[in-house]
Amino acid sequence: MAGTIVAFSSSQETWTVYVERLEQYFTANKIEDADQQRAILLSICGPATYQLICNLVSPKKPTAFKIEDLITIVQKHHDPKPSMIVQRFRFSGRNCHTGELVTAYVAELRQLAEHCQYATNLNNMLQDRLVCGVEDSRIQRQLLAEPELTFDKAFEIAMASESAEKDVKDLQSPVPVNDLKTHGT
């Protein structure tokens, strides 16, 4: 068998991520039989999760359900579908924090957008949040000056500007005297 799957722990990962890892385990080990997949899930999910599954499907036994149904039942318990309006509020109000890298900011925006149902409009929404939410006014001016701005272009400009700012600071910072002596100057 390739890989291992440990018991589910809600403090370490979401149920969705656990199921994705489990699906990868099934794929890597060519486990296609649904009954076998269910048996593996029930045997490796851990005692707390197994008890939860038993409680959620009672009075029936977990083996009376298809694996897809068990996954959905636990999913609804652990990760109920969040309100789209609340998620959009969080997304729209998220600004880049002081010292936060643009890459981290965009990663957080993508995570916040997961339940916003932006679908084909996602890149436009990400672009708007990047332009409006970036803290550095120099980056913001660069983005606003770009006539044909797309999200990908905005992200590229913001990262390049952030990187250039760091490089300038590195070039302008004085080299410690000890470093000069060790380099033969």
N, C-alpha and C. Protein backbone atom coordinates (compact mmCIF):
# COMPACT_ATOMS: atom_id res chain seq x y z
N MET A 1 0.84 -1.19 0.00
CA MET A 1 0.00 0.00 0.00
C MET A 1 0.88 1.25 0.00
N ALA A 2 0.49 2.21 -0.80
CA ALA A 2 1.22 3.48 -0.88
C ALA A 2 0.61 4.48 0.07
N GLY A 3 1.44 5.10 0.91
CA GLY A 3 0.98 6.14 1.81
C GLY A 3 0.20 5.62 2.99
N THR A 4 -0.10 6.54 3.89
CA THR A 4 -0.92 6.20 5.05
C THR A 4 -1.90 7.33 5.30
N ILE A 5 -2.99 6.99 5.93
CA ILE A 5 -3.99 7.97 6.32
C ILE A 5 -4.18 7.80 7.82
N VAL A 6 -4.07 8.90 8.53
CA VAL A 6 -4.26 8.86 9.98
C VAL A 6 -5.69 9.24 10.31
N ALA A 7 -6.05 9.10 11.57
CA ALA A 7 -7.39 9.43 12.02
C ALA A 7 -7.70 10.91 11.76
N PHE A 8 -8.96 11.19 11.51
CA PHE A 8 -9.38 12.58 11.29
C PHE A 8 -9.27 13.37 12.58
N SER A 9 -8.72 14.58 12.47
CA SER A 9 -8.63 15.49 13.60
C SER A 9 -9.07 16.87 13.14
N SER A 10 -10.19 17.34 13.65
CA SER A 10 -10.71 18.64 13.21
C SER A 10 -9.80 19.80 13.61
N SER A 11 -8.88 19.56 14.55
CA SER A 11 -7.94 20.61 14.93
C SER A 11 -6.78 20.72 13.95
N GLN A 12 -6.61 19.71 13.09
CA GLN A 12 -5.50 19.71 12.14
C GLN A 12 -5.91 19.96 10.70
N GLU A 13 -7.15 19.62 10.35
CA GLU A 13 -7.61 19.79 8.98
C GLU A 13 -9.13 19.77 8.94
N THR A 14 -9.67 20.26 7.84
CA THR A 14 -11.12 20.22 7.67
C THR A 14 -11.52 18.83 7.18
N TRP A 15 -12.78 18.53 7.32
CA TRP A 15 -13.29 17.26 6.82
C TRP A 15 -13.08 17.17 5.31
N THR A 16 -13.29 18.27 4.62
CA THR A 16 -13.12 18.30 3.16
C THR A 16 -11.71 17.92 2.77
N VAL A 17 -10.73 18.48 3.45
CA VAL A 17 -9.32 18.16 3.15
C VAL A 17 -9.04 16.70 3.49
N TYR A 18 -9.57 16.22 4.60
CA TYR A 18 -9.37 14.82 4.98
C TYR A 18 -9.91 13.89 3.88
N VAL A 19 -11.10 14.19 3.39
CA VAL A 19 -11.72 13.36 2.35
C VAL A 19 -10.90 13.43 1.06
N GLU A 20 -10.37 14.61 0.73
CA GLU A 20 -9.53 14.72 -0.46
C GLU A 20 -8.28 13.85 -0.32
N ARG A 21 -7.68 13.86 0.87
CA ARG A 21 -6.50 13.00 1.08
C ARG A 21 -6.88 11.53 0.99
N LEU A 22 -8.05 11.19 1.54
CA LEU A 22 -8.53 9.81 1.49
C LEU A 22 -8.75 9.38 0.03
N GLU A 23 -9.33 10.26 -0.77
CA GLU A 23 -9.55 9.95 -2.18
C GLU A 23 -8.21 9.73 -2.90
N GLN A 24 -7.20 10.52 -2.56
CA GLN A 24 -5.88 10.34 -3.16
C GLN A 24 -5.27 9.00 -2.74
N TYR A 25 -5.52 8.61 -1.50
CA TYR A 25 -5.06 7.31 -1.00
C TYR A 25 -5.72 6.18 -1.81
N PHE A 26 -7.03 6.30 -2.04
CA PHE A 26 -7.74 5.29 -2.83
C PHE A 26 -7.17 5.22 -4.24
N THR A 27 -6.91 6.37 -4.83
CA THR A 27 -6.37 6.42 -6.19
C THR A 27 -4.97 5.81 -6.24
N ALA A 28 -4.12 6.20 -5.32
CA ALA A 28 -2.74 5.71 -5.30
C ALA A 28 -2.69 4.20 -5.13
N ASN A 29 -3.67 3.66 -4.40
CA ASN A 29 -3.68 2.23 -4.12
C ASN A 29 -4.68 1.46 -4.98
N LYS A 30 -5.24 2.14 -5.97
CA LYS A 30 -6.18 1.53 -6.93
C LYS A 30 -7.35 0.83 -6.22
N ILE A 31 -7.89 1.50 -5.21
CA ILE A 31 -9.02 0.96 -4.47
C ILE A 31 -10.28 1.58 -5.06
N GLU A 32 -10.96 0.82 -5.90
CA GLU A 32 -12.12 1.34 -6.62
C GLU A 32 -13.44 0.83 -6.07
N ASP A 33 -13.41 -0.27 -5.36
CA ASP A 33 -14.64 -0.86 -4.82
C ASP A 33 -15.20 0.02 -3.71
N ALA A 34 -16.45 0.47 -3.86
CA ALA A 34 -17.08 1.39 -2.91
C ALA A 34 -17.21 0.78 -1.52
N ASP A 35 -17.51 -0.50 -1.42
CA ASP A 35 -17.61 -1.15 -0.11
C ASP A 35 -16.26 -1.18 0.59
N GLN A 36 -15.21 -1.44 -0.16
CA GLN A 36 -13.87 -1.44 0.40
C GLN A 36 -13.46 -0.03 0.83
N GLN A 37 -13.81 0.96 0.03
CA GLN A 37 -13.52 2.35 0.38
C GLN A 37 -14.24 2.73 1.69
N ARG A 38 -15.49 2.33 1.81
CA ARG A 38 -16.25 2.62 3.04
C ARG A 38 -15.60 1.93 4.23
N ALA A 39 -15.19 0.68 4.06
CA ALA A 39 -14.56 -0.06 5.16
C ALA A 39 -13.26 0.61 5.59
N ILE A 40 -12.49 1.10 4.63
CA ILE A 40 -11.25 1.80 4.96
C ILE A 40 -11.55 3.08 5.71
N LEU A 41 -12.49 3.86 5.21
CA LEU A 41 -12.87 5.10 5.90
C LEU A 41 -13.27 4.81 7.34
N LEU A 42 -14.15 3.85 7.54
CA LEU A 42 -14.65 3.56 8.89
C LEU A 42 -13.56 2.98 9.80
N SER A 43 -12.59 2.31 9.23
CA SER A 43 -11.55 1.72 10.08
C SER A 43 -10.41 2.68 10.40
N ILE A 44 -10.21 3.71 9.58
CA ILE A 44 -9.08 4.62 9.83
C ILE A 44 -9.49 6.00 10.33
N CYS A 45 -10.77 6.32 10.33
CA CYS A 45 -11.20 7.68 10.67
C CYS A 45 -10.95 8.03 12.14
N GLY A 46 -10.73 7.03 12.97
CA GLY A 46 -10.47 7.27 14.38
C GLY A 46 -11.71 7.03 15.22
N PRO A 47 -11.52 6.74 16.51
CA PRO A 47 -12.66 6.41 17.37
C PRO A 47 -13.67 7.55 17.53
N ALA A 48 -13.19 8.78 17.65
CA ALA A 48 -14.12 9.91 17.84
C ALA A 48 -14.98 10.12 16.60
N THR A 49 -14.35 10.04 15.43
CA THR A 49 -15.10 10.23 14.18
C THR A 49 -16.02 9.05 13.92
N TYR A 50 -15.56 7.85 14.22
CA TYR A 50 -16.42 6.68 14.05
C TYR A 50 -17.66 6.79 14.94
N GLN A 51 -17.45 7.21 16.19
CA GLN A 51 -18.59 7.38 17.11
C GLN A 51 -19.53 8.47 16.59
N LEU A 52 -18.97 9.54 16.06
CA LEU A 52 -19.79 10.61 15.49
C LEU A 52 -20.62 10.08 14.33
N ILE A 53 -20.01 9.30 13.45
CA ILE A 53 -20.73 8.72 12.32
C ILE A 53 -21.86 7.83 12.83
N CYS A 54 -21.57 6.99 13.82
CA CYS A 54 -22.60 6.12 14.39
C CYS A 54 -23.77 6.94 14.94
N ASN A 55 -23.44 8.03 15.64
CA ASN A 55 -24.48 8.88 16.20
C ASN A 55 -25.31 9.57 15.11
N LEU A 56 -24.65 10.00 14.06
CA LEU A 56 -25.33 10.73 13.00
C LEU A 56 -26.24 9.85 12.16
N VAL A 57 -25.93 8.56 12.06
CA VAL A 57 -26.75 7.66 11.23
C VAL A 57 -27.67 6.76 12.06
N SER A 58 -27.59 6.87 13.37
CA SER A 58 -28.41 6.04 14.26
C SER A 58 -29.89 6.22 13.92
N PRO A 59 -30.67 5.20 13.97
CA PRO A 59 -30.44 3.86 14.51
C PRO A 59 -29.80 2.89 13.52
N LYS A 60 -29.53 3.33 12.30
CA LYS A 60 -28.88 2.44 11.34
C LYS A 60 -27.40 2.34 11.66
N LYS A 61 -26.75 1.38 11.06
CA LYS A 61 -25.30 1.18 11.18
C LYS A 61 -24.61 1.91 10.02
N PRO A 62 -23.39 2.37 10.23
CA PRO A 62 -22.66 3.05 9.14
C PRO A 62 -22.52 2.19 7.88
N THR A 63 -22.46 0.87 8.06
CA THR A 63 -22.30 -0.01 6.90
C THR A 63 -23.56 -0.07 6.04
N ALA A 64 -24.67 0.49 6.51
CA ALA A 64 -25.90 0.53 5.73
C ALA A 64 -25.88 1.68 4.71
N PHE A 65 -24.85 2.51 4.76
CA PHE A 65 -24.77 3.69 3.90
C PHE A 65 -23.63 3.56 2.89
N LYS A 66 -23.80 4.21 1.76
CA LYS A 66 -22.72 4.30 0.78
C LYS A 66 -21.69 5.27 1.33
N ILE A 67 -20.44 5.11 0.89
CA ILE A 67 -19.37 5.98 1.36
C ILE A 67 -19.68 7.44 1.07
N GLU A 68 -20.25 7.73 -0.12
CA GLU A 68 -20.58 9.11 -0.48
C GLU A 68 -21.56 9.72 0.51
N ASP A 69 -22.53 8.90 0.94
CA ASP A 69 -23.54 9.39 1.89
C ASP A 69 -22.90 9.66 3.26
N LEU A 70 -22.01 8.77 3.70
CA LEU A 70 -21.34 8.98 4.98
C LEU A 70 -20.49 10.25 4.94
N ILE A 71 -19.79 10.45 3.84
CA ILE A 71 -18.96 11.64 3.69
C ILE A 71 -19.83 12.90 3.76
N THR A 72 -20.95 12.88 3.08
CA THR A 72 -21.86 14.03 3.07
C THR A 72 -22.45 14.29 4.45
N ILE A 73 -22.82 13.25 5.16
CA ILE A 73 -23.39 13.38 6.50
C ILE A 73 -22.38 14.04 7.44
N VAL A 74 -21.14 13.58 7.41
CA VAL A 74 -20.11 14.16 8.27
C VAL A 74 -19.78 15.58 7.81
N GLN A 75 -19.77 15.78 6.49
CA GLN A 75 -19.50 17.12 5.93
C GLN A 75 -20.51 18.13 6.46
N LYS A 76 -21.77 17.77 6.43
CA LYS A 76 -22.82 18.69 6.92
C LYS A 76 -22.66 18.98 8.40
N HIS A 77 -22.15 18.01 9.14
CA HIS A 77 -21.94 18.20 10.57
C HIS A 77 -20.74 19.11 10.85
N HIS A 78 -19.60 18.83 10.21
CA HIS A 78 -18.36 19.56 10.48
C HIS A 78 -18.27 20.90 9.76
N ASP A 79 -18.68 20.91 8.51
CA ASP A 79 -18.50 22.09 7.68
C ASP A 79 -19.83 22.49 7.02
N PRO A 80 -20.78 22.96 7.82
CA PRO A 80 -22.04 23.36 7.19
C PRO A 80 -21.78 24.48 6.19
N LYS A 81 -22.57 24.50 5.14
CA LYS A 81 -22.38 25.50 4.09
C LYS A 81 -22.57 26.89 4.68
N PRO A 82 -21.54 27.73 4.56
CA PRO A 82 -21.64 29.08 5.13
C PRO A 82 -22.53 29.98 4.29
N SER A 83 -23.01 31.03 4.90
CA SER A 83 -23.84 32.01 4.21
C SER A 83 -23.02 32.73 3.15
N MET A 84 -23.55 32.74 1.93
CA MET A 84 -22.87 33.42 0.84
C MET A 84 -22.72 34.91 1.14
N ILE A 85 -23.74 35.52 1.69
CA ILE A 85 -23.70 36.96 1.99
C ILE A 85 -22.62 37.26 3.02
N VAL A 86 -22.53 36.45 4.06
CA VAL A 86 -21.52 36.65 5.09
C VAL A 86 -20.12 36.47 4.49
N GLN A 87 -19.95 35.47 3.64
CA GLN A 87 -18.64 35.23 3.02
C GLN A 87 -18.26 36.37 2.10
N ARG A 88 -19.23 36.90 1.36
CA ARG A 88 -18.94 38.05 0.49
C ARG A 88 -18.60 39.29 1.32
N PHE A 89 -19.25 39.45 2.45
CA PHE A 89 -18.94 40.56 3.36
C PHE A 89 -17.50 40.47 3.84
N ARG A 90 -17.10 39.26 4.25
CA ARG A 90 -15.72 39.05 4.71
C ARG A 90 -14.72 39.29 3.59
N PHE A 91 -15.04 38.78 2.41
CA PHE A 91 -14.16 38.96 1.25
C PHE A 91 -14.03 40.45 0.93
N SER A 92 -15.13 41.15 0.85
CA SER A 92 -15.12 42.56 0.47
C SER A 92 -14.44 43.45 1.50
N GLY A 93 -14.47 43.04 2.76
CA GLY A 93 -13.86 43.84 3.81
C GLY A 93 -12.42 43.51 4.10
N ARG A 94 -11.88 42.50 3.40
CA ARG A 94 -10.50 42.07 3.69
C ARG A 94 -9.51 42.97 2.98
N ASN A 95 -8.70 43.65 3.74
CA ASN A 95 -7.63 44.48 3.22
C ASN A 95 -6.29 43.87 3.61
N CYS A 96 -5.27 44.22 2.88
CA CYS A 96 -3.92 43.75 3.16
C CYS A 96 -3.45 44.36 4.47
N HIS A 97 -2.93 43.54 5.36
CA HIS A 97 -2.45 44.01 6.66
C HIS A 97 -1.03 44.56 6.55
N THR A 98 -0.67 45.40 7.47
CA THR A 98 0.67 45.97 7.51
C THR A 98 1.71 44.84 7.54
N GLY A 99 2.64 44.90 6.60
CA GLY A 99 3.70 43.90 6.53
C GLY A 99 3.32 42.60 5.85
N GLU A 100 2.06 42.43 5.49
CA GLU A 100 1.61 41.19 4.85
C GLU A 100 2.05 41.19 3.38
N LEU A 101 2.63 40.10 2.95
CA LEU A 101 3.04 39.97 1.57
C LEU A 101 1.83 39.85 0.66
N VAL A 102 1.95 40.35 -0.55
CA VAL A 102 0.86 40.29 -1.52
C VAL A 102 0.45 38.85 -1.78
N THR A 103 1.42 37.94 -1.84
CA THR A 103 1.10 36.54 -2.10
C THR A 103 0.23 35.96 -0.99
N ALA A 104 0.55 36.30 0.26
CA ALA A 104 -0.26 35.83 1.39
C ALA A 104 -1.65 36.45 1.36
N TYR A 105 -1.71 37.73 1.02
CA TYR A 105 -2.99 38.44 0.93
C TYR A 105 -3.89 37.80 -0.13
N VAL A 106 -3.35 37.53 -1.29
CA VAL A 106 -4.14 36.94 -2.37
C VAL A 106 -4.55 35.51 -2.02
N ALA A 107 -3.67 34.76 -1.37
CA ALA A 107 -4.03 33.40 -0.94
C ALA A 107 -5.22 33.46 0.03
N GLU A 108 -5.18 34.41 0.95
CA GLU A 108 -6.30 34.58 1.90
C GLU A 108 -7.57 35.00 1.17
N LEU A 109 -7.45 35.90 0.18
CA LEU A 109 -8.63 36.30 -0.61
C LEU A 109 -9.24 35.10 -1.33
N ARG A 110 -8.38 34.26 -1.89
CA ARG A 110 -8.88 33.06 -2.59
C ARG A 110 -9.64 32.15 -1.63
N GLN A 111 -9.10 32.00 -0.43
CA GLN A 111 -9.77 31.16 0.58
C GLN A 111 -11.10 31.79 0.97
N LEU A 112 -11.13 33.08 1.17
CA LEU A 112 -12.38 33.77 1.53
C LEU A 112 -13.41 33.69 0.41
N ALA A 113 -12.97 33.64 -0.82
CA ALA A 113 -13.88 33.62 -1.97
C ALA A 113 -14.51 32.25 -2.22
N GLU A 114 -14.03 31.24 -1.52
CA GLU A 114 -14.47 29.87 -1.78
C GLU A 114 -15.99 29.71 -1.77
N HIS A 115 -16.68 30.36 -0.84
CA HIS A 115 -18.13 30.19 -0.73
C HIS A 115 -18.89 31.43 -1.17
N CYS A 116 -18.25 32.31 -1.94
CA CYS A 116 -18.89 33.54 -2.40
C CYS A 116 -19.69 33.34 -3.68
N GLN A 117 -19.50 32.24 -4.33
CA GLN A 117 -20.19 31.90 -5.58
C GLN A 117 -19.96 32.94 -6.66
N TYR A 118 -18.71 33.38 -6.78
CA TYR A 118 -18.37 34.35 -7.82
C TYR A 118 -18.21 33.69 -9.19
N ALA A 119 -17.95 32.41 -9.20
CA ALA A 119 -17.81 31.62 -10.44
C ALA A 119 -16.90 32.32 -11.45
N THR A 120 -17.44 32.65 -12.63
CA THR A 120 -16.63 33.22 -13.70
C THR A 120 -16.21 34.65 -13.40
N ASN A 121 -16.76 35.26 -12.39
CA ASN A 121 -16.42 36.64 -12.02
C ASN A 121 -15.32 36.69 -10.96
N LEU A 122 -14.80 35.55 -10.54
CA LEU A 122 -13.83 35.50 -9.45
C LEU A 122 -12.60 36.36 -9.72
N ASN A 123 -12.01 36.25 -10.91
CA ASN A 123 -10.80 37.02 -11.18
C ASN A 123 -11.06 38.52 -11.12
N ASN A 124 -12.22 38.97 -11.58
CA ASN A 124 -12.55 40.39 -11.48
C ASN A 124 -12.68 40.82 -10.02
N MET A 125 -13.27 39.97 -9.21
CA MET A 125 -13.44 40.30 -7.79
C MET A 125 -12.07 40.31 -7.08
N LEU A 126 -11.22 39.35 -7.41
CA LEU A 126 -9.87 39.32 -6.84
C LEU A 126 -9.07 40.56 -7.26
N GLN A 127 -9.21 40.93 -8.52
CA GLN A 127 -8.52 42.11 -9.02
C GLN A 127 -8.98 43.35 -8.25
N ASP A 128 -10.28 43.51 -8.09
CA ASP A 128 -10.80 44.68 -7.36
C ASP A 128 -10.31 44.71 -5.92
N ARG A 129 -10.32 43.56 -5.24
CA ARG A 129 -9.86 43.52 -3.85
C ARG A 129 -8.37 43.80 -3.77
N LEU A 130 -7.61 43.32 -4.74
CA LEU A 130 -6.17 43.57 -4.73
C LEU A 130 -5.91 45.06 -4.91
N VAL A 131 -6.56 45.67 -5.88
CA VAL A 131 -6.35 47.10 -6.13
C VAL A 131 -6.82 47.94 -4.94
N CYS A 132 -8.00 47.64 -4.43
CA CYS A 132 -8.57 48.45 -3.35
C CYS A 132 -8.01 48.10 -1.97
N GLY A 133 -7.55 46.88 -1.80
CA GLY A 133 -7.15 46.43 -0.47
C GLY A 133 -5.67 46.45 -0.19
N VAL A 134 -4.84 46.65 -1.23
CA VAL A 134 -3.41 46.66 -1.00
C VAL A 134 -3.05 47.89 -0.17
N GLU A 135 -2.18 47.69 0.79
CA GLU A 135 -1.85 48.77 1.73
C GLU A 135 -0.87 49.78 1.15
N ASP A 136 0.06 49.33 0.35
CA ASP A 136 1.12 50.18 -0.18
C ASP A 136 0.55 51.09 -1.28
N SER A 137 0.57 52.39 -1.05
CA SER A 137 -0.02 53.34 -2.01
C SER A 137 0.76 53.38 -3.32
N ARG A 138 2.07 53.08 -3.29
CA ARG A 138 2.84 53.03 -4.54
C ARG A 138 2.35 51.89 -5.43
N ILE A 139 2.11 50.75 -4.83
CA ILE A 139 1.59 49.61 -5.60
C ILE A 139 0.20 49.96 -6.13
N GLN A 140 -0.60 50.54 -5.27
CA GLN A 140 -1.96 50.90 -5.67
C GLN A 140 -1.94 51.87 -6.86
N ARG A 141 -1.05 52.86 -6.84
CA ARG A 141 -0.94 53.81 -7.95
C ARG A 141 -0.53 53.08 -9.24
N GLN A 142 0.42 52.16 -9.12
CA GLN A 142 0.85 51.39 -10.30
C GLN A 142 -0.33 50.62 -10.90
N LEU A 143 -1.11 50.01 -10.03
CA LEU A 143 -2.24 49.22 -10.51
C LEU A 143 -3.30 50.11 -11.15
N LEU A 144 -3.56 51.23 -10.53
CA LEU A 144 -4.58 52.15 -11.07
C LEU A 144 -4.13 52.79 -12.39
N ALA A 145 -2.83 52.90 -12.60
CA ALA A 145 -2.31 53.51 -13.82
C ALA A 145 -2.33 52.55 -15.01
N GLU A 146 -2.52 51.27 -14.74
CA GLU A 146 -2.49 50.26 -15.80
C GLU A 146 -3.81 50.26 -16.56
N PRO A 147 -3.79 50.60 -17.88
CA PRO A 147 -5.05 50.74 -18.63
C PRO A 147 -5.76 49.41 -18.91
N GLU A 148 -5.03 48.34 -19.09
CA GLU A 148 -5.63 47.04 -19.43
C GLU A 148 -5.39 46.06 -18.28
N LEU A 149 -5.82 46.41 -17.11
CA LEU A 149 -5.54 45.60 -15.92
C LEU A 149 -6.42 44.36 -15.85
N THR A 150 -5.77 43.22 -15.62
CA THR A 150 -6.45 41.97 -15.32
C THR A 150 -5.97 41.53 -13.95
N PHE A 151 -6.60 40.54 -13.38
CA PHE A 151 -6.13 40.06 -12.08
C PHE A 151 -4.69 39.55 -12.18
N ASP A 152 -4.41 38.73 -13.19
CA ASP A 152 -3.07 38.17 -13.32
C ASP A 152 -2.01 39.27 -13.45
N LYS A 153 -2.32 40.29 -14.24
CA LYS A 153 -1.40 41.40 -14.42
C LYS A 153 -1.25 42.19 -13.11
N ALA A 154 -2.36 42.41 -12.40
CA ALA A 154 -2.32 43.13 -11.13
C ALA A 154 -1.47 42.37 -10.12
N PHE A 155 -1.64 41.08 -10.06
CA PHE A 155 -0.89 40.25 -9.13
C PHE A 155 0.60 40.30 -9.47
N GLU A 156 0.91 40.20 -10.76
CA GLU A 156 2.30 40.25 -11.20
C GLU A 156 2.94 41.60 -10.87
N ILE A 157 2.23 42.68 -11.13
CA ILE A 157 2.75 44.03 -10.83
C ILE A 157 2.96 44.20 -9.34
N ALA A 158 1.99 43.78 -8.56
CA ALA A 158 2.08 43.94 -7.10
C ALA A 158 3.26 43.14 -6.53
N MET A 159 3.42 41.91 -7.01
CA MET A 159 4.55 41.09 -6.52
C MET A 159 5.88 41.70 -6.95
N ALA A 160 5.97 42.15 -8.19
CA ALA A 160 7.22 42.73 -8.69
C ALA A 160 7.56 44.01 -7.92
N SER A 161 6.55 44.83 -7.66
CA SER A 161 6.78 46.08 -6.92
C SER A 161 7.22 45.79 -5.49
N GLU A 162 6.59 44.83 -4.88
CA GLU A 162 6.94 44.43 -3.51
C GLU A 162 8.37 43.89 -3.46
N SER A 163 8.72 43.09 -4.43
CA SER A 163 10.06 42.53 -4.50
C SER A 163 11.10 43.62 -4.75
N ALA A 164 10.79 44.55 -5.65
CA ALA A 164 11.71 45.65 -5.93
C ALA A 164 11.92 46.52 -4.70
N GLU A 165 10.86 46.76 -3.94
CA GLU A 165 10.98 47.57 -2.71
C GLU A 165 11.91 46.88 -1.71
N LYS A 166 11.77 45.57 -1.60
CA LYS A 166 12.65 44.82 -0.70
C LYS A 166 14.10 44.90 -1.18
N ASP A 167 14.29 44.75 -2.49
CA ASP A 167 15.64 44.83 -3.05
C ASP A 167 16.28 46.20 -2.82
N VAL A 168 15.49 47.26 -2.97
CA VAL A 168 16.01 48.61 -2.74
C VAL A 168 16.43 48.77 -1.29
N LYS A 169 15.62 48.27 -0.39
CA LYS A 169 15.96 48.36 1.04
C LYS A 169 17.25 47.60 1.33
N ASP A 170 17.40 46.42 0.70
CA ASP A 170 18.61 45.63 0.90
C ASP A 170 19.84 46.37 0.36
N LEU A 171 19.69 47.01 -0.79
CA LEU A 171 20.81 47.74 -1.39
C LEU A 171 21.19 48.99 -0.59
N GLN A 172 20.18 49.60 0.03
CA GLN A 172 20.43 50.84 0.74
C GLN A 172 20.84 50.63 2.20
N SER A 173 20.69 49.42 2.70
CA SER A 173 21.06 49.20 4.09
C SER A 173 22.58 49.12 4.19
N PRO A 174 23.13 49.75 5.20
CA PRO A 174 24.59 49.74 5.33
C PRO A 174 25.10 48.33 5.62
N VAL A 175 26.24 48.01 5.02
CA VAL A 175 26.88 46.71 5.25
C VAL A 175 27.66 46.81 6.55
N PRO A 176 27.41 45.90 7.49
CA PRO A 176 28.15 45.93 8.76
C PRO A 176 29.66 45.88 8.53
N VAL A 177 30.43 46.58 9.36
CA VAL A 177 31.88 46.65 9.24
C VAL A 177 32.50 45.27 9.24
N ASN A 178 32.01 44.36 10.07
CA ASN A 178 32.56 43.00 10.13
C ASN A 178 32.44 42.30 8.78
N ASP A 179 31.32 42.54 8.07
CA ASP A 179 31.14 41.92 6.76
C ASP A 179 32.16 42.45 5.75
N LEU A 180 32.50 43.75 5.85
CA LEU A 180 33.48 44.33 4.94
C LEU A 180 34.85 43.69 5.14
N LYS A 181 35.22 43.47 6.39
CA LYS A 181 36.53 42.89 6.69
C LYS A 181 36.63 41.45 6.19
N THR A 182 35.56 40.68 6.29
CA THR A 182 35.60 39.28 5.87
C THR A 182 35.60 39.14 4.36
N HIS A 183 35.17 40.18 3.65
CA HIS A 183 35.14 40.11 2.19
C HIS A 183 36.37 40.75 1.57
N GLY A 184 37.37 41.13 2.39
CA GLY A 184 38.64 41.62 1.89
C GLY A 184 38.65 43.08 1.50
N THR A 185 37.73 43.88 1.96
CA THR A 185 37.76 45.31 1.64
C THR A 185 38.18 46.15 2.81
